[in-house]
C-alpha atoms as a PDB file:
ATOM      1  CA  MET A   1       4.403 -10.495 -12.647  1.00  0.00           C
ATOM      2  CA  SER A   2       3.745 -12.519  -9.531  1.00  0.00           C
ATOM      3  CA  ASP A   3       3.128 -12.410  -6.059  1.00  0.00           C
ATOM      4  CA  SER A   4       6.471 -12.836  -5.128  1.00  0.00           C
ATOM      5  CA  LEU A   5       7.459  -9.418  -6.156  1.00  0.00           C
ATOM      6  CA  TYR A   6       4.496  -8.298  -3.737  1.00  0.00           C
ATOM      7  CA  GLN A   7       6.313 -10.261  -0.903  1.00  0.00           C
ATOM      8  CA  GLN A   8       9.496  -8.793  -1.414  1.00  0.00           C
ATOM      9  CA  LEU A   9       8.068  -4.935  -1.362  1.00  0.00           C
ATOM     10  CA  LEU A  10       6.142  -6.332   1.950  1.00  0.00           C
ATOM     11  CA  ASP A  11       9.911  -7.530   3.555  1.00  0.00           C
ATOM     12  CA  GLN A  12      11.635  -4.351   2.415  1.00  0.00           C
ATOM     13  CA  VAL A  13       8.855  -2.255   3.878  1.00  0.00           C
ATOM     14  CA  PHE A  14       7.766  -4.123   6.943  1.00  0.00           C
ATOM     15  CA  GLY A  15      10.834  -6.380   7.330  1.00  0.00           C
ATOM     16  CA  PRO A  16      10.660 -10.519   7.387  1.00  0.00           C
ATOM     17  CA  GLU A  17       9.352 -10.752  10.806  1.00  0.00           C
ATOM     18  CA  PRO A  18       5.428 -11.439  10.527  1.00  0.00           C
ATOM     19  CA  THR A  19       3.510  -8.477  12.280  1.00  0.00           C
ATOM     20  CA  ASP A  20      -0.428  -7.906  12.400  1.00  0.00           C
ATOM     21  CA  LEU A  21      -0.371  -5.832   9.693  1.00  0.00           C
ATOM     22  CA  ARG A  22       1.835  -7.811   7.523  1.00  0.00           C
ATOM     23  CA  SER A  23      -0.296 -11.164   7.993  1.00  0.00           C
ATOM     24  CA  GLU A  24      -3.048  -8.982   7.095  1.00  0.00           C
ATOM     25  CA  ILE A  25      -2.128  -7.516   3.552  1.00  0.00           C
ATOM     26  CA  SER A  26       0.482 -10.587   2.667  1.00  0.00           C
ATOM     27  CA  PRO A  27      -2.348 -12.591   0.941  1.00  0.00           C
ATOM     28  CA  LEU A  28      -3.907  -9.894  -0.956  1.00  0.00           C
ATOM     29  CA  TYR A  29      -2.304 -10.432  -4.359  1.00  0.00           C
ATOM     30  CA  LEU A  30      -3.013 -14.068  -4.059  1.00  0.00           C
ATOM     31  CA  GLU A  31      -6.370 -13.414  -3.364  1.00  0.00           C
ATOM     32  CA  LEU A  32      -7.169 -11.310  -6.381  1.00  0.00           C
ATOM     33  CA  GLU A  33      -5.234 -13.644  -8.578  1.00  0.00           C
ATOM     34  CA  LYS A  34      -7.546 -16.409  -6.990  1.00  0.00           C
ATOM     35  CA  ALA A  35     -10.656 -14.068  -8.082  1.00  0.00           C
ATOM     36  CA  LEU A  36      -9.440 -13.479 -11.394  1.00  0.00           C
ATOM     37  CA  GLN A  37      -9.025 -17.245 -12.282  1.00  0.00           C
ATOM     38  CA  GLU A  38     -12.409 -17.917 -10.537  1.00  0.00           C
ATOM     39  CA  ALA A  39     -14.100 -15.354 -12.405  1.00  0.00           C
ATOM     40  CA  ARG A  40     -17.293 -16.142 -14.333  1.00  0.00           C
ATOM     41  CA  PRO A  41     -19.314 -13.891 -16.416  1.00  0.00           C
ATOM     42  CA  GLY A  42     -21.628 -12.593 -14.265  1.00  0.00           C
ATOM     43  CA  ARG A  43     -22.254  -9.374 -11.684  1.00  0.00           C
ATOM     44  CA  GLN A  44     -21.524 -11.478  -8.512  1.00  0.00           C
ATOM     45  CA  SER A  45     -17.863 -12.584  -9.892  1.00  0.00           C
ATOM     46  CA  GLN A  46     -17.066  -8.983 -11.267  1.00  0.00           C
ATOM     47  CA  GLU A  47     -17.912  -8.153  -7.681  1.00  0.00           C
ATOM     48  CA  GLU A  48     -15.368 -10.076  -6.096  1.00  0.00           C
ATOM     49  CA  VAL A  49     -12.348  -9.449  -8.519  1.00  0.00           C
ATOM     50  CA  SER A  50     -13.175  -5.819  -8.026  1.00  0.00           C
ATOM     51  CA  PHE A  51     -13.383  -6.224  -4.184  1.00  0.00           C
ATOM     52  CA  ARG A  52     -10.338  -8.484  -4.186  1.00  0.00           C
ATOM     53  CA  PHE A  53      -8.514  -5.440  -6.484  1.00  0.00           C
ATOM     54  CA  GLU A  54      -9.227  -2.588  -4.178  1.00  0.00           C
ATOM     55  CA  ARG A  55      -7.858  -4.634  -1.213  1.00  0.00           C
ATOM     56  CA  LEU A  56      -4.844  -5.104  -3.407  1.00  0.00           C
ATOM     57  CA  ARG A  57      -4.740  -1.383  -3.919  1.00  0.00           C
ATOM     58  CA  LEU A  58      -5.078  -0.861  -0.452  1.00  0.00           C
ATOM     59  CA  GLY A  59      -2.099  -2.948   0.201  1.00  0.00           C
ATOM     60  CA  LEU A  60      -0.067  -1.456  -1.797  1.00  0.00           C
ATOM     61  CA  GLY A  61      -0.882   2.032  -0.550  1.00  0.00           C
ATOM     62  CA  ILE A  62      -0.550   1.123   3.190  1.00  0.00           C
ATOM     63  CA  SER A  63       3.415  -0.131   2.012  1.00  0.00           C
ATOM     64  CA  LEU A  64       3.703   3.256   0.384  1.00  0.00           C
ATOM     65  CA  LEU A  65       2.637   5.210   2.946  1.00  0.00           C
ATOM     66  CA  GLN A  66       4.966   3.287   5.336  1.00  0.00           C
ATOM     67  CA  LEU A  67       7.503   3.963   3.676  1.00  0.00           C
ATOM     68  CA  LEU A  68       6.571   7.677   3.325  1.00  0.00           C
ATOM     69  CA  THR A  69       6.132   7.329   7.307  1.00  0.00           C
ATOM     70  CA  ASP A  70       9.549   5.571   7.895  1.00  0.00           C
ATOM     71  CA  LEU A  71      10.983   8.153   5.495  1.00  0.00           C
ATOM     72  CA  GLY A  72      10.195  11.150   7.450  1.00  0.00           C
ATOM     73  CA  GLY A  73       8.132  10.198  10.302  1.00  0.00           C
ATOM     74  CA  ASP A  74       5.168  12.116   9.106  1.00  0.00           C
ATOM     75  CA  GLU A  75       1.872  12.199  11.125  1.00  0.00           C
ATOM     76  CA  GLU A  76      -0.250  13.089   7.920  1.00  0.00           C
ATOM     77  CA  SER A  77       0.894   9.831   5.960  1.00  0.00           C
ATOM     78  CA  ALA A  78       0.681   7.427   9.510  1.00  0.00           C
ATOM     79  CA  GLN A  79      -2.789   8.894   9.705  1.00  0.00           C
ATOM     80  CA  VAL A  80      -3.567   7.604   5.768  1.00  0.00           C
ATOM     81  CA  ARG A  81      -2.131   4.240   6.310  1.00  0.00           C
ATOM     82  CA  ASP A  82      -3.937   3.828   9.308  1.00  0.00           C
ATOM     83  CA  LEU A  83      -7.242   4.832   7.370  1.00  0.00           C
ATOM     84  CA  LEU A  84      -6.379   2.637   4.744  1.00  0.00           C
ATOM     85  CA  GLN A  85      -5.814  -0.540   7.201  1.00  0.00           C
ATOM     86  CA  GLU A  86      -9.493   0.069   8.508  1.00  0.00           C
ATOM     87  CA  ALA A  87     -10.699   0.569   5.023  1.00  0.00           C
ATOM     88  CA  LEU A  88      -9.275  -3.373   4.877  1.00  0.00           C
ATOM     89  CA  GLN A  89     -11.646  -4.422   7.164  1.00  0.00           C
ATOM     90  CA  ALA A  90     -14.844  -3.546   5.042  1.00  0.00           C
ATOM     91  CA  THR A  91     -16.394  -6.795   3.120  1.00  0.00           C
ATOM     92  CA  SER A  92     -17.391  -4.982  -0.062  1.00  0.00           C
ATOM     93  CA  VAL A  93     -16.138  -2.093  -2.488  1.00  0.00           C
ATOM     94  CA  LYS A  94     -18.697   0.019  -1.297  1.00  0.00           C
ATOM     95  CA  GLY A  95     -17.702  -0.532   2.675  1.00  0.00           C
ATOM     96  CA  ILE A  96     -14.286   0.466   1.438  1.00  0.00           C
ATOM     97  CA  ASP A  97     -15.105   3.696  -0.219  1.00  0.00           C
ATOM     98  CA  THR A  98     -17.425   4.618   2.690  1.00  0.00           C
ATOM     99  CA  VAL A  99     -14.457   4.139   4.802  1.00  0.00           C
ATOM    100  CA  VAL A 100     -11.969   6.241   2.777  1.00  0.00           C
ATOM    101  CA  GLN A 101     -14.617   8.945   2.340  1.00  0.00           C
ATOM    102  CA  LYS A 102     -15.581   9.730   5.740  1.00  0.00           C
ATOM    103  CA  LYS A 103     -11.483  10.703   6.398  1.00  0.00           C
ATOM    104  CA  GLY A 104     -11.271  11.997   2.818  1.00  0.00           C
ATOM    105  CA  HIS A 105      -9.872  15.312   3.956  1.00  0.00           C
ATOM    106  CA  LEU A 106      -6.919  13.071   5.296  1.00  0.00           C
ATOM    107  CA  PHE A 107      -5.763  12.866   1.803  1.00  0.00           C
ATOM    108  CA  GLU A 108      -5.661  16.497   1.179  1.00  0.00           C
ATOM    109  CA  GLU A 109      -3.578  17.080   4.196  1.00  0.00           C
ATOM    110  CA  LEU A 110      -0.947  14.567   3.186  1.00  0.00           C
ATOM    111  CA  TYR A 111      -0.380  16.494   0.240  1.00  0.00           C
ATOM    112  CA  THR A 112      -0.452  20.065   1.967  1.00  0.00           C
ATOM    113  CA  ASP A 113       1.305  19.393   5.114  1.00  0.00           C
ATOM    114  CA  LEU A 114       3.971  17.144   3.856  1.00  0.00           C
ATOM    115  CA  TYR A 115       7.502  17.895   3.793  1.00  0.00           C
ATOM    116  CA  VAL A 116       8.692  16.924   0.360  1.00  0.00           C
ATOM    117  CA  ASN A 117      12.315  15.514  -0.564  1.00  0.00           C
ATOM    118  CA  ALA A 118      13.068  13.820  -3.670  1.00  0.00           C
ATOM    119  CA  ASP A 119      12.340  10.362  -2.274  1.00  0.00           C
ATOM    120  CA  ALA A 120       9.170  11.492  -0.582  1.00  0.00           C
ATOM    121  CA  GLU A 121       7.972  12.950  -3.708  1.00  0.00           C
ATOM    122  CA  HIS A 122       8.672   9.929  -5.693  1.00  0.00           C
ATOM    123  CA  ILE A 123       6.490   7.958  -2.989  1.00  0.00           C
ATOM    124  CA  LEU A 124       3.617  10.220  -3.323  1.00  0.00           C
ATOM    125  CA  ALA A 125       3.748  10.075  -6.994  1.00  0.00           C
ATOM    126  CA  LEU A 126       3.365   6.035  -6.870  1.00  0.00           C
ATOM    127  CA  PHE A 127       0.740   6.555  -3.864  1.00  0.00           C
ATOM    128  CA  GLU A 128      -1.408   8.514  -6.300  1.00  0.00           C
ATOM    129  CA  GLU A 129      -1.015   6.113  -9.364  1.00  0.00           C
ATOM    130  CA  THR A 130      -2.023   3.825  -7.039  1.00  0.00           C
ATOM    131  CA  LEU A 131      -5.601   5.194  -6.117  1.00  0.00           C
ATOM    132  CA  ASN A 132      -6.048   5.581  -9.850  1.00  0.00           C
ATOM    133  CA  ALA A 133      -5.091   2.076 -10.887  1.00  0.00           C
ATOM    134  CA  THR A 134      -7.342   0.143 -13.028  1.00  0.00           C
ATOM    135  CA  SER A 135      -6.078  -3.179 -13.756  1.00  0.00           C
ATOM    136  CA  LYS A 136      -3.956  -5.987 -12.787  1.00  0.00           C
ATOM    137  CA  GLU A 137      -1.223  -4.759 -15.145  1.00  0.00           C
ATOM    138  CA  GLU A 138      -0.703  -1.459 -13.439  1.00  0.00           C
ATOM    139  CA  MET A 139      -0.634  -2.347 -10.413  1.00  0.00           C
ATOM    140  CA  ASP A 140       1.945  -4.975 -11.219  1.00  0.00           C
ATOM    141  CA  ASP A 141       3.946  -2.253 -12.633  1.00  0.00           C
ATOM    142  CA  LEU A 142       3.367  -0.134  -9.771  1.00  0.00           C
ATOM    143  CA  LEU A 143       4.618  -3.119  -7.536  1.00  0.00           C
ATOM    144  CA  ASP A 144       7.511  -3.050  -9.456  1.00  0.00           C
ATOM    145  CA  ARG A 145       8.225   0.311  -9.161  1.00  0.00           C
ATOM    146  CA  ALA A 146       7.455   0.483  -5.563  1.00  0.00           C
ATOM    147  CA  LEU A 147       9.789  -2.395  -4.912  1.00  0.00           C
ATOM    148  CA  GLU A 148      12.699  -0.679  -6.833  1.00  0.00           C
ATOM    149  CA  ILE A 149      12.212   2.631  -4.771  1.00  0.00           C
ATOM    150  CA  ALA A 150      11.709   0.559  -1.268  1.00  0.00           C
ATOM    151  CA  GLU A 151      15.154  -1.335  -2.217  1.00  0.00           C
ATOM    152  CA  ASP A 152      16.903   2.229  -2.762  1.00  0.00           C
ATOM    153  CA  LEU A 153      15.821   3.893   0.379  1.00  0.00           C
ATOM    154  CA  GLU A 154      18.386   3.983   3.065  1.00  0.00           C
ATOM    155  CA  PHE A 155      17.058   5.034   6.644  1.00  0.00           C
ATOM    156  CA  GLN A 156      19.251   5.391   9.501  1.00  0.00           C
ATOM    157  CA  ASP A 157      18.964   2.745  11.997  1.00  0.00           C
ATOM    158  CA  GLU A 158      19.094   4.101  15.403  1.00  0.00           C
ATOM    159  CA  GLU A 159      21.847   1.984  16.373  1.00  0.00           C
ATOM    160  CA  ASP A 160      23.944   4.025  13.855  1.00  0.00           C
ATOM    161  CA  ASP A 161      23.567   7.096  15.843  1.00  0.00           C
ATOM    162  CA  THR A 162      25.634   5.462  18.896  1.00  0.00           C
ATOM    163  CA  PRO A 163      29.153   5.908  18.818  1.00  0.00           C
ATOM    164  CA  GLU A 164      31.269   2.950  18.806  1.00  0.00           C
ATOM    165  CA  GLU A 165      33.518   2.205  21.790  1.00  0.00           C
END
């Protein structure tokens, strides 16, 4: 798997135009690969790999929640997406955990209050798997599956609502 699939997913979810969020999460896959390549035995090196992995997990989670938000306009999915985006500002794995734990109730609300259709259910299942992923290989598989879902989803444009004259 390569960074190109991650970038394709971002294109599908956020569109090709650069946005602040897109610019922030775009380099996450390459940052993890770089940390893995530079890793040496030792605690500091492992901490850097773990941190970069967590950031990629946040990026994939943000992308999936954006799909979910676009699919149903759900407030809870947008709140969790925003929380994950806030967690991206942390400078350590512990910092990420602290940000997420402060508003952990949002995750429960996401699953309780969500109107679920088949597409939303699939996206939520991938999001849950993303939270539980423990390796780059698992993340690669999740990226591939998320891209498939994103490519298959059809969102109705506002332009489609207006009758042609």
